[in-house]
PDB file of N, CA and C in Angstrom:
ATOM      1  N   MET A   1      82.725  55.652-130.256  1.00  0.00           N
ATOM      2  CA  MET A   1      82.809  57.108-130.281  1.00  0.00           C
ATOM      3  C   MET A   1      81.748  57.708-131.195  1.00  0.00           C
ATOM      4  N   LEU A   2      81.327  56.949-132.167  1.00  0.00           N
ATOM      5  CA  LEU A   2      80.326  57.458-133.094  1.00  0.00           C
ATOM      6  C   LEU A   2      79.031  57.778-132.360  1.00  0.00           C
ATOM      7  N   ASN A   3      78.654  56.935-131.413  1.00  0.00           N
ATOM      8  CA  ASN A   3      77.428  57.182-130.662  1.00  0.00           C
ATOM      9  C   ASN A   3      77.549  58.464-129.846  1.00  0.00           C
ATOM     10  N   GLY A   4      78.693  58.726-129.274  1.00  0.00           N
ATOM     11  CA  GLY A   4      78.902  59.946-128.496  1.00  0.00           C
ATOM     12  C   GLY A   4      78.819  61.189-129.350  1.00  0.00           C
ATOM     13  N   SER A   5      79.375  61.145-130.553  1.00  0.00           N
ATOM     14  CA  SER A   5      79.312  62.311-131.427  1.00  0.00           C
ATOM     15  C   SER A   5      77.899  62.512-131.959  1.00  0.00           C
ATOM     16  N   ALA A   6      77.178  61.421-132.194  1.00  0.00           N
ATOM     17  CA  ALA A   6      75.782  61.534-132.640  1.00  0.00           C
ATOM     18  C   ALA A   6      74.933  62.125-131.521  1.00  0.00           C
ATOM     19  N   ASP A   7      75.174  61.695-130.288  1.00  0.00           N
ATOM     20  CA  ASP A   7      74.450  62.262-129.146  1.00  0.00           C
ATOM     21  C   ASP A   7      74.716  63.758-129.034  1.00  0.00           C
ATOM     22  N   PHE A   8      75.960  64.151-129.249  1.00  0.00           N
ATOM     23  CA  PHE A   8      76.307  65.566-129.168  1.00  0.00           C
ATOM     24  C   PHE A   8      75.594  66.369-130.251  1.00  0.00           C
ATOM     25  N   LEU A   9      75.588  65.864-131.478  1.00  0.00           N
ATOM     26  CA  LEU A   9      74.947  66.587-132.572  1.00  0.00           C
ATOM     27  C   LEU A   9      73.440  66.713-132.355  1.00  0.00           C
ATOM     28  N   VAL A  10      72.796  65.638-131.949  1.00  0.00           N
ATOM     29  CA  VAL A  10      71.353  65.686-131.699  1.00  0.00           C
ATOM     30  C   VAL A  10      71.060  66.573-130.489  1.00  0.00           C
ATOM     31  N   GLY A  11      71.898  66.513-129.471  1.00  0.00           N
ATOM     32  CA  GLY A  11      71.724  67.375-128.307  1.00  0.00           C
ATOM     33  C   GLY A  11      71.899  68.840-128.650  1.00  0.00           C
ATOM     34  N   ALA A  12      72.867  69.147-129.502  1.00  0.00           N
ATOM     35  CA  ALA A  12      73.072  70.534-129.924  1.00  0.00           C
ATOM     36  C   ALA A  12      71.879  71.024-130.746  1.00  0.00           C
ATOM     37  N   PHE A  13      71.369  70.171-131.625  1.00  0.00           N
ATOM     38  CA  PHE A  13      70.188  70.528-132.408  1.00  0.00           C
ATOM     39  C   PHE A  13      68.982  70.751-131.491  1.00  0.00           C
ATOM     40  N   ALA A  14      68.815  69.882-130.506  1.00  0.00           N
ATOM     41  CA  ALA A  14      67.708  70.032-129.557  1.00  0.00           C
ATOM     42  C   ALA A  14      67.856  71.321-128.756  1.00  0.00           C
ATOM     43  N   ALA A  15      69.071  71.701-128.430  1.00  0.00           N
ATOM     44  CA  ALA A  15      69.293  72.947-127.688  1.00  0.00           C
ATOM     45  C   ALA A  15      68.899  74.155-128.541  1.00  0.00           C
ATOM     46  N   VAL A  16      69.201  74.109-129.826  1.00  0.00           N
ATOM     47  CA  VAL A  16      68.809  75.201-130.725  1.00  0.00           C
ATOM     48  C   VAL A  16      67.286  75.271-130.834  1.00  0.00           C
ATOM     49  N   VAL A  17      66.643  74.119-130.980  1.00  0.00           N
ATOM     50  CA  VAL A  17      65.181  74.084-131.061  1.00  0.00           C
ATOM     51  C   VAL A  17      64.568  74.596-129.758  1.00  0.00           C
ATOM     52  N   ALA A  18      65.138  74.222-128.624  1.00  0.00           N
ATOM     53  CA  ALA A  18      64.635  74.704-127.332  1.00  0.00           C
ATOM     54  C   ALA A  18      64.754  76.223-127.249  1.00  0.00           C
ATOM     55  N   GLY A  19      65.839  76.757-127.750  1.00  0.00           N
ATOM     56  CA  GLY A  19      66.002  78.211-127.772  1.00  0.00           C
ATOM     57  C   GLY A  19      64.954  78.894-128.635  1.00  0.00           C
ATOM     58  N   MET A  20      64.630  78.282-129.763  1.00  0.00           N
ATOM     59  CA  MET A  20      63.601  78.839-130.640  1.00  0.00           C
ATOM     60  C   MET A  20      62.228  78.809-129.964  1.00  0.00           C
ATOM     61  N   ILE A  21      61.936  77.721-129.268  1.00  0.00           N
ATOM     62  CA  ILE A  21      60.654  77.619-128.563  1.00  0.00           C
ATOM     63  C   ILE A  21      60.598  78.645-127.431  1.00  0.00           C
ATOM     64  N   LEU A  22      61.704  78.799-126.715  1.00  0.00           N
ATOM     65  CA  LEU A  22      61.749  79.790-125.632  1.00  0.00           C
ATOM     66  C   LEU A  22      61.536  81.196-126.175  1.00  0.00           C
ATOM     67  N   ALA A  23      62.108  81.493-127.335  1.00  0.00           N
ATOM     68  CA  ALA A  23      61.905  82.806-127.944  1.00  0.00           C
ATOM     69  C   ALA A  23      60.434  83.026-128.276  1.00  0.00           C
ATOM     70  N   ARG A  24      59.746  81.982-128.744  1.00  0.00           N
ATOM     71  CA  ARG A  24      58.312  82.092-129.028  1.00  0.00           C
ATOM     72  C   ARG A  24      57.521  82.368-127.754  1.00  0.00           C
ATOM     73  N   VAL A  25      57.865  81.665-126.687  1.00  0.00           N
ATOM     74  CA  VAL A  25      57.155  81.851-125.418  1.00  0.00           C
ATOM     75  C   VAL A  25      57.371  83.272-124.902  1.00  0.00           C
ATOM     76  N   LEU A  26      58.599  83.739-124.916  1.00  0.00           N
ATOM     77  CA  LEU A  26      58.884  85.084-124.421  1.00  0.00           C
ATOM     78  C   LEU A  26      58.226  86.152-125.287  1.00  0.00           C
ATOM     79  N   ARG A  27      58.250  85.954-126.602  1.00  0.00           N
ATOM     80  CA  ARG A  27      57.589  86.899-127.497  1.00  0.00           C
ATOM     81  C   ARG A  27      56.076  86.880-127.276  1.00  0.00           C
ATOM     82  N   GLY A  28      55.539  85.700-127.011  1.00  0.00           N
ATOM     83  CA  GLY A  28      54.114  85.595-126.733  1.00  0.00           C
ATOM     84  C   GLY A  28      53.726  86.331-125.471  1.00  0.00           C
ATOM     85  N   LEU A  29      54.546  86.224-124.456  1.00  0.00           N
ATOM     86  CA  LEU A  29      54.271  86.945-123.209  1.00  0.00           C
ATOM     87  C   LEU A  29      54.401  88.455-123.401  1.00  0.00           C
ATOM     88  N   ARG A  30      55.394  88.858-124.188  1.00  0.00           N
ATOM     89  CA  ARG A  30      55.655  90.276-124.380  1.00  0.00           C
ATOM     90  C   ARG A  30      54.630  90.926-125.316  1.00  0.00           C
ATOM     91  N   GLU A  31      54.350  90.278-126.461  1.00  0.00           N
ATOM     92  CA  GLU A  31      53.487  90.886-127.475  1.00  0.00           C
ATOM     93  C   GLU A  31      52.031  90.443-127.378  1.00  0.00           C
ATOM     94  N   GLY A  32      51.762  89.363-126.663  1.00  0.00           N
ATOM     95  CA  GLY A  32      50.397  88.902-126.513  1.00  0.00           C
ATOM     96  C   GLY A  32      49.872  88.123-127.693  1.00  0.00           C
ATOM     97  N   LYS A  33      50.763  87.530-128.504  1.00  0.00           N
ATOM     98  CA  LYS A  33      50.311  86.688-129.606  1.00  0.00           C
ATOM     99  C   LYS A  33      51.339  85.594-129.856  1.00  0.00           C
ATOM    100  N   LEU A  34      50.834  84.421-130.243  1.00  0.00           N
ATOM    101  CA  LEU A  34      51.682  83.272-130.513  1.00  0.00           C
ATOM    102  C   LEU A  34      51.437  82.786-131.942  1.00  0.00           C
ATOM    103  N   PRO A  35      52.504  82.413-132.651  1.00  0.00           N
ATOM    104  CA  PRO A  35      52.311  81.925-134.014  1.00  0.00           C
ATOM    105  C   PRO A  35      51.761  80.504-134.029  1.00  0.00           C
ATOM    106  N   VAL A  36      50.794  80.274-134.896  1.00  0.00           N
ATOM    107  CA  VAL A  36      50.236  78.956-135.133  1.00  0.00           C
ATOM    108  C   VAL A  36      50.166  78.794-136.642  1.00  0.00           C
ATOM    109  N   TYR A  37      51.030  77.954-137.165  1.00  0.00           N
ATOM    110  CA  TYR A  37      51.154  77.768-138.608  1.00  0.00           C
ATOM    111  C   TYR A  37      51.376  79.113-139.276  1.00  0.00           C
ATOM    112  N   ARG A  38      50.453  79.569-140.121  1.00  0.00           N
ATOM    113  CA  ARG A  38      50.646  80.831-140.840  1.00  0.00           C
ATOM    114  C   ARG A  38      49.855  81.988-140.247  1.00  0.00           C
ATOM    115  N   THR A  39      49.282  81.786-139.092  1.00  0.00           N
ATOM    116  CA  THR A  39      48.482  82.820-138.444  1.00  0.00           C
ATOM    117  C   THR A  39      48.959  82.994-137.007  1.00  0.00           C
ATOM    118  N   TYR A  40      48.322  83.882-136.297  1.00  0.00           N
ATOM    119  CA  TYR A  40      48.669  84.143-134.897  1.00  0.00           C
ATOM    120  C   TYR A  40      47.419  84.033-134.042  1.00  0.00           C
ATOM    121  N   ILE A  41      47.602  83.533-132.824  1.00  0.00           N
ATOM    122  CA  ILE A  41      46.546  83.529-131.825  1.00  0.00           C
ATOM    123  C   ILE A  41      46.936  84.563-130.780  1.00  0.00           C
ATOM    124  N   GLY A  42      46.061  85.535-130.584  1.00  0.00           N
ATOM    125  CA  GLY A  42      46.343  86.602-129.635  1.00  0.00           C
ATOM    126  C   GLY A  42      45.489  86.476-128.392  1.00  0.00           C
ATOM    127  N   ARG A  43      45.805  87.303-127.422  1.00  0.00           N
ATOM    128  CA  ARG A  43      45.013  87.314-126.198  1.00  0.00           C
ATOM    129  C   ARG A  43      43.576  87.739-126.475  1.00  0.00           C
ATOM    130  N   ASP A  44      43.395  88.539-127.515  1.00  0.00           N
ATOM    131  CA  ASP A  44      42.050  89.000-127.836  1.00  0.00           C
ATOM    132  C   ASP A  44      41.170  87.881-128.388  1.00  0.00           C
ATOM    133  N   ALA A  45      41.752  86.759-128.826  1.00  0.00           N
ATOM    134  CA  ALA A  45      40.979  85.618-129.323  1.00  0.00           C
ATOM    135  C   ALA A  45      40.342  84.835-128.177  1.00  0.00           C
ATOM    136  N   GLY A  46      40.772  85.108-126.992  1.00  0.00           N
ATOM    137  CA  GLY A  46      40.244  84.412-125.820  1.00  0.00           C
ATOM    138  C   GLY A  46      41.377  84.034-124.897  1.00  0.00           C
ATOM    139  N   ALA A  47      41.214  84.362-123.641  1.00  0.00           N
ATOM    140  CA  ALA A  47      42.279  84.121-122.674  1.00  0.00           C
ATOM    141  C   ALA A  47      42.557  82.626-122.505  1.00  0.00           C
ATOM    142  N   ALA A  48      41.518  81.814-122.499  1.00  0.00           N
ATOM    143  CA  ALA A  48      41.714  80.377-122.293  1.00  0.00           C
ATOM    144  C   ALA A  48      42.483  79.755-123.447  1.00  0.00           C
ATOM    145  N   LYS A  49      42.143  80.130-124.659  1.00  0.00           N
ATOM    146  CA  LYS A  49      42.825  79.590-125.842  1.00  0.00           C
ATOM    147  C   LYS A  49      44.293  80.009-125.854  1.00  0.00           C
ATOM    148  N   PHE A  50      44.539  81.288-125.593  1.00  0.00           N
ATOM    149  CA  PHE A  50      45.907  81.800-125.590  1.00  0.00           C
ATOM    150  C   PHE A  50      46.733  81.165-124.480  1.00  0.00           C
ATOM    151  N   ASN A  51      46.170  81.075-123.274  1.00  0.00           N
ATOM    152  CA  ASN A  51      46.910  80.505-122.143  1.00  0.00           C
ATOM    153  C   ASN A  51      47.191  79.017-122.343  1.00  0.00           C
ATOM    154  N   THR A  52      46.257  78.293-122.949  1.00  0.00           N
ATOM    155  CA  THR A  52      46.481  76.877-123.234  1.00  0.00           C
ATOM    156  C   THR A  52      47.611  76.712-124.239  1.00  0.00           C
ATOM    157  N   LEU A  53      47.596  77.514-125.281  1.00  0.00           N
ATOM    158  CA  LEU A  53      48.657  77.450-126.278  1.00  0.00           C
ATOM    159  C   LEU A  53      50.004  77.838-125.678  1.00  0.00           C
ATOM    160  N   LEU A  54      50.000  78.841-124.822  1.00  0.00           N
ATOM    161  CA  LEU A  54      51.232  79.259-124.147  1.00  0.00           C
ATOM    162  C   LEU A  54      51.761  78.144-123.242  1.00  0.00           C
ATOM    163  N   ALA A  55      50.858  77.472-122.523  1.00  0.00           N
ATOM    164  CA  ALA A  55      51.266  76.365-121.657  1.00  0.00           C
ATOM    165  C   ALA A  55      51.826  75.202-122.478  1.00  0.00           C
ATOM    166  N   LEU A  56      51.240  74.911-123.625  1.00  0.00           N
ATOM    167  CA  LEU A  56      51.764  73.846-124.482  1.00  0.00           C
ATOM    168  C   LEU A  56      53.137  74.193-125.025  1.00  0.00           C
ATOM    169  N   HIS A  57      53.347  75.456-125.389  1.00  0.00           N
ATOM    170  CA  HIS A  57      54.672  75.892-125.831  1.00  0.00           C
ATOM    171  C   HIS A  57      55.687  75.742-124.692  1.00  0.00           C
ATOM    172  N   ALA A  58      55.304  76.142-123.486  1.00  0.00           N
ATOM    173  CA  ALA A  58      56.211  76.038-122.340  1.00  0.00           C
ATOM    174  C   ALA A  58      56.537  74.579-122.037  1.00  0.00           C
ATOM    175  N   LEU A  59      55.541  73.712-122.117  1.00  0.00           N
ATOM    176  CA  LEU A  59      55.771  72.290-121.886  1.00  0.00           C
ATOM    177  C   LEU A  59      56.704  71.703-122.936  1.00  0.00           C
ATOM    178  N   SER A  60      56.508  72.076-124.186  1.00  0.00           N
ATOM    179  CA  SER A  60      57.404  71.574-125.235  1.00  0.00           C
ATOM    180  C   SER A  60      58.825  72.086-125.023  1.00  0.00           C
ATOM    181  N   PHE A  61      58.975  73.330-124.534  1.00  0.00           N
ATOM    182  CA  PHE A  61      60.311  73.843-124.233  1.00  0.00           C
ATOM    183  C   PHE A  61      60.982  73.006-123.153  1.00  0.00           C
ATOM    184  N   VAL A  62      60.251  72.711-122.087  1.00  0.00           N
ATOM    185  CA  VAL A  62      60.823  71.935-120.988  1.00  0.00           C
ATOM    186  C   VAL A  62      61.256  70.552-121.467  1.00  0.00           C
ATOM    187  N   LEU A  63      60.413  69.897-122.254  1.00  0.00           N
ATOM    188  CA  LEU A  63      60.747  68.554-122.738  1.00  0.00           C
ATOM    189  C   LEU A  63      61.954  68.560-123.660  1.00  0.00           C
ATOM    190  N   VAL A  64      61.996  69.491-124.592  1.00  0.00           N
ATOM    191  CA  VAL A  64      63.128  69.546-125.524  1.00  0.00           C
ATOM    192  C   VAL A  64      64.400  69.956-124.792  1.00  0.00           C
ATOM    193  N   ALA A  65      64.291  70.860-123.819  1.00  0.00           N
ATOM    194  CA  ALA A  65      65.471  71.256-123.045  1.00  0.00           C
ATOM    195  C   ALA A  65      66.004  70.080-122.229  1.00  0.00           C
ATOM    196  N   LEU A  66      65.122  69.266-121.662  1.00  0.00           N
ATOM    197  CA  LEU A  66      65.571  68.078-120.932  1.00  0.00           C
ATOM    198  C   LEU A  66      66.274  67.091-121.856  1.00  0.00           C
ATOM    199  N   ILE A  67      65.742  66.914-123.050  1.00  0.00           N
ATOM    200  CA  ILE A  67      66.395  66.026-124.021  1.00  0.00           C
ATOM    201  C   ILE A  67      67.774  66.555-124.370  1.00  0.00           C
ATOM    202  N   ALA A  68      67.869  67.858-124.608  1.00  0.00           N
ATOM    203  CA  ALA A  68      69.163  68.452-124.952  1.00  0.00           C
ATOM    204  C   ALA A  68      70.165  68.288-123.814  1.00  0.00           C
ATOM    205  N   LEU A  69      69.731  68.565-122.588  1.00  0.00           N
ATOM    206  CA  LEU A  69      70.636  68.421-121.450  1.00  0.00           C
ATOM    207  C   LEU A  69      71.068  66.975-121.250  1.00  0.00           C
ATOM    208  N   ASP A  70      70.140  66.059-121.439  1.00  0.00           N
ATOM    209  CA  ASP A  70      70.462  64.644-121.291  1.00  0.00           C
ATOM    210  C   ASP A  70      71.519  64.218-122.297  1.00  0.00           C
ATOM    211  N   LEU A  71      71.344  64.629-123.540  1.00  0.00           N
ATOM    212  CA  LEU A  71      72.284  64.212-124.576  1.00  0.00           C
ATOM    213  C   LEU A  71      73.624  64.923-124.472  1.00  0.00           C
ATOM    214  N   LEU A  72      73.607  66.197-124.114  1.00  0.00           N
ATOM    215  CA  LEU A  72      74.857  66.947-124.050  1.00  0.00           C
ATOM    216  C   LEU A  72      75.673  66.640-122.794  1.00  0.00           C
ATOM    217  N   LEU A  73      74.989  66.425-121.684  1.00  0.00           N
ATOM    218  CA  LEU A  73      75.698  66.215-120.420  1.00  0.00           C
ATOM    219  C   LEU A  73      75.771  64.752-119.999  1.00  0.00           C
ATOM    220  N   GLY A  74      75.120  63.875-120.754  1.00  0.00           N
ATOM    221  CA  GLY A  74      75.163  62.448-120.433  1.00  0.00           C
ATOM    222  C   GLY A  74      74.485  62.122-119.113  1.00  0.00           C
ATOM    223  N   LEU A  75      73.305  62.678-118.878  1.00  0.00           N
ATOM    224  CA  LEU A  75      72.609  62.463-117.611  1.00  0.00           C
ATOM    225  C   LEU A  75      71.939  61.085-117.523  1.00  0.00           C
ATOM    226  N   ASN A  76      71.751  60.430-118.658  1.00  0.00           N
ATOM    227  CA  ASN A  76      71.106  59.100-118.722  1.00  0.00           C
ATOM    228  C   ASN A  76      69.722  59.098-118.091  1.00  0.00           C
ATOM    229  N   LEU A  77      68.937  60.090-118.430  1.00  0.00           N
ATOM    230  CA  LEU A  77      67.568  60.176-117.905  1.00  0.00           C
ATOM    231  C   LEU A  77      66.705  59.039-118.443  1.00  0.00           C
ATOM    232  N   LYS A  78      67.009  58.568-119.628  1.00  0.00           N
ATOM    233  CA  LYS A  78      66.242  57.475-120.209  1.00  0.00           C
ATOM    234  C   LYS A  78      66.356  56.216-119.346  1.00  0.00           C
ATOM    235  N   ASP A  79      67.523  55.960-118.824  1.00  0.00           N
ATOM    236  CA  ASP A  79      67.710  54.794-117.973  1.00  0.00           C
ATOM    237  C   ASP A  79      67.012  54.958-116.622  1.00  0.00           C
ATOM    238  N   ALA A  80      66.888  56.201-116.165  1.00  0.00           N
ATOM    239  CA  ALA A  80      66.241  56.453-114.882  1.00  0.00           C
ATOM    240  C   ALA A  80      64.725  56.266-114.959  1.00  0.00           C
ATOM    241  N   LEU A  81      64.172  56.398-116.159  1.00  0.00           N
ATOM    242  CA  LEU A  81      62.734  56.221-116.306  1.00  0.00           C
ATOM    243  C   LEU A  81      62.440  54.757-116.431  1.00  0.00           C
TER     244      LEU A  81
END
């Protein structure tokens, strides 16, 4: 049972992190700037740079959300790979 509760806790943490990443992506789309460390990259810095950073944020959201769903719902995606 300990493994199941650990999976739940890590999955819940991953779900919170996924929500934070999603908020960054949505804010980036809405305001046109994404946080990078202590500064921001805006659309005015260059469309390619901003779009690449936005795509990396979206990819990280998808990966963390899949991890959260796997751990919370017991999908066993690791075994399928």
